[in-house]
Amino acid sequence: MVMCSQLLKKVPMFQNREETFINDVLLKLHYEVFQEGDVIVRQNVPGDRMFFIDHGEALMETESYERELCDGDFFGETCVLTKGKHLATVKALTDCQCFSLSWDDFQEALRGFPDIKKDLEKIILVSSDGEVVCQIAATL
């Protein structure tokens, strides 16, 4: 649980949050394994969860951007906030051990923390058709 806590705290939206909220979210994480070559998420496909890489390497790519991800990295945070489309494709370069947090589980955790939910709603701006318009950098 301590290792998962460290993964969560690398994500800006979980930094400087109440320990009880972090613990509630930790209990909702699911362990998933992807094999080398697996496409974990596809760009422009609706998503309902975010991922935290515990061990392994993956490639995040769009038409104009490419970045390697490894232990401690995360992706899909806009989907856990908005249940919108993935902004990039992520493919496992090696076997990847990940933890995931679903939109439903995240919403359940937020029910007990209305102030945190309100803060998070300020982070992201979504258009009427569900597309992420911009992500506002916020100090939380």
Protein backbone atom coordinates (compact mmCIF):
# COMPACT_ATOMS: atom_id res chain seq x y z
CA MET A 1 0.00 0.00 0.00
CA VAL A 2 2.93 2.34 0.72
CA MET A 3 4.30 1.81 -2.80
CA CYS A 4 0.87 2.58 -4.32
CA SER A 5 0.65 5.68 -2.17
CA GLN A 6 3.93 6.90 -3.67
CA LEU A 7 2.53 6.28 -7.18
CA LEU A 8 -0.58 8.32 -6.38
CA LYS A 9 1.34 11.21 -4.89
CA LYS A 10 3.29 11.70 -8.15
CA VAL A 11 0.03 12.77 -9.83
CA PRO A 12 -0.61 16.52 -9.40
CA MET A 13 -4.30 16.06 -8.62
CA PHE A 14 -3.41 13.81 -5.66
CA GLN A 15 -0.62 15.95 -4.24
CA ASN A 16 -1.21 17.76 -0.95
CA ARG A 17 -4.46 15.89 -0.32
CA GLU A 18 -5.83 14.59 2.96
CA GLU A 19 -4.37 11.23 3.92
CA THR A 20 -7.88 9.84 4.43
CA PHE A 21 -8.75 10.69 0.81
CA ILE A 22 -5.53 9.09 -0.48
CA ASN A 23 -6.23 5.96 1.57
CA ASP A 24 -9.79 5.79 0.22
CA VAL A 25 -8.47 6.01 -3.36
CA LEU A 26 -5.77 3.40 -2.65
CA LEU A 27 -8.42 0.87 -1.64
CA LYS A 28 -10.07 1.32 -5.05
CA LEU A 29 -6.99 0.58 -7.17
CA HIS A 30 -7.03 -2.55 -9.35
CA TYR A 31 -3.90 -4.49 -10.33
CA GLU A 32 -3.52 -5.17 -14.07
CA VAL A 33 -0.78 -6.78 -16.14
CA PHE A 34 -0.14 -6.02 -19.81
CA GLN A 35 2.20 -8.03 -22.01
CA GLU A 36 4.85 -6.54 -24.27
CA GLY A 37 3.12 -5.22 -27.39
CA ASP A 38 -0.32 -4.82 -25.79
CA VAL A 39 -2.13 -1.58 -26.56
CA ILE A 40 -3.26 -0.41 -23.13
CA VAL A 41 -5.35 2.53 -24.39
CA ARG A 42 -6.05 4.01 -27.82
CA GLN A 43 -6.16 7.71 -28.67
CA ASN A 44 -9.66 9.12 -29.29
CA VAL A 45 -11.35 6.09 -27.76
CA PRO A 46 -13.56 6.77 -24.72
CA GLY A 47 -11.90 5.82 -21.47
CA ASP A 48 -13.09 5.34 -17.93
CA ARG A 49 -9.89 4.92 -15.93
CA MET A 50 -6.34 6.04 -15.37
CA PHE A 51 -3.23 3.93 -14.96
CA PHE A 52 -0.18 4.01 -12.70
CA ILE A 53 2.85 2.03 -13.91
CA ASP A 54 4.27 0.04 -11.02
CA HIS A 55 6.84 -1.81 -13.12
CA GLY A 56 7.53 -1.83 -16.85
CA GLU A 57 7.89 0.45 -19.85
CA ALA A 58 5.29 1.82 -22.24
CA LEU A 59 5.17 4.24 -25.16
CA MET A 60 2.70 7.12 -25.17
CA GLU A 61 2.12 8.59 -28.61
CA THR A 62 -0.03 10.95 -30.61
CA GLU A 63 0.41 12.10 -34.21
CA SER A 64 2.92 14.73 -33.08
CA TYR A 65 4.27 13.50 -29.75
CA GLU A 66 6.04 10.44 -28.38
CA ARG A 67 7.21 9.73 -24.84
CA GLU A 68 8.45 6.64 -23.05
CA LEU A 69 6.83 5.88 -19.71
CA CYS A 70 8.32 3.73 -16.96
CA ASP A 71 8.03 2.83 -13.27
CA GLY A 72 6.16 5.54 -11.39
CA ASP A 73 4.62 7.21 -14.46
CA PHE A 74 0.88 7.57 -14.99
CA PHE A 75 -1.55 8.25 -17.83
CA GLY A 76 -5.28 8.56 -18.48
CA GLU A 77 -5.91 11.14 -15.78
CA THR A 78 -8.25 13.15 -18.01
CA CYS A 79 -10.43 10.03 -18.42
CA VAL A 80 -10.75 9.52 -14.68
CA LEU A 81 -11.76 13.19 -14.37
CA THR A 82 -14.10 13.44 -17.36
CA LYS A 83 -14.84 9.92 -18.67
CA GLY A 84 -13.78 11.42 -22.02
CA LYS A 85 -11.59 10.15 -24.83
CA HIS A 86 -7.97 9.14 -24.36
CA LEU A 87 -5.62 11.88 -25.54
CA ALA A 88 -2.90 9.40 -26.65
CA THR A 89 -2.28 5.76 -27.47
CA VAL A 90 -0.23 3.87 -24.90
CA LYS A 91 1.46 0.59 -25.84
CA ALA A 92 3.44 -1.71 -23.52
CA LEU A 93 7.12 -1.88 -24.55
CA THR A 94 7.79 -4.54 -21.91
CA ASP A 95 5.51 -6.52 -19.63
CA CYS A 96 3.80 -3.84 -17.52
CA GLN A 97 2.43 -4.18 -14.04
CA CYS A 98 -0.03 -1.37 -13.45
CA PHE A 99 -2.66 -0.19 -11.05
CA SER A 100 -5.80 1.37 -12.47
CA LEU A 101 -8.44 3.66 -11.00
CA SER A 102 -11.86 3.66 -12.64
CA TRP A 103 -14.04 6.72 -13.08
CA ASP A 104 -16.80 5.06 -11.03
CA ASP A 105 -14.47 4.24 -8.14
CA PHE A 106 -12.96 7.72 -8.23
CA GLN A 107 -16.42 9.33 -8.12
CA GLU A 108 -17.30 7.11 -5.17
CA ALA A 109 -14.17 8.25 -3.32
CA LEU A 110 -14.93 11.91 -4.09
CA ARG A 111 -18.43 11.68 -2.58
CA GLY A 112 -16.87 11.78 0.86
CA PHE A 113 -14.64 14.76 -0.01
CA PRO A 114 -16.75 17.52 -1.63
CA ASP A 115 -14.01 20.15 -1.25
CA ILE A 116 -11.54 18.02 -3.19
CA LYS A 117 -14.16 17.34 -5.86
CA LYS A 118 -14.72 21.10 -6.23
CA ASP A 119 -10.96 21.70 -6.56
CA LEU A 120 -10.64 19.02 -9.23
CA GLU A 121 -13.51 20.49 -11.24
CA LYS A 122 -11.41 23.65 -11.60
CA ILE A 123 -8.51 21.71 -13.15
CA ILE A 124 -10.13 20.65 -16.37
CA LEU A 125 -12.39 22.39 -18.85
CA VAL A 126 -14.61 20.23 -21.03
CA SER A 127 -16.65 21.29 -24.06
CA SER A 128 -20.36 20.50 -24.37
CA ASP A 129 -19.60 17.44 -26.52
CA GLY A 130 -17.31 15.96 -23.87
CA GLU A 131 -13.98 16.92 -25.45
CA VAL A 132 -11.23 18.22 -23.18
CA VAL A 133 -10.69 21.84 -24.16
CA CYS A 134 -7.79 22.61 -21.86
CA GLN A 135 -6.22 21.43 -18.69
CA ILE A 136 -5.60 24.25 -16.29
CA ALA A 137 -2.40 23.92 -14.29
CA ALA A 138 -3.46 24.29 -10.72
CA THR A 139 -1.58 24.23 -7.47
CA LEU A 140 -3.60 21.91 -5.31
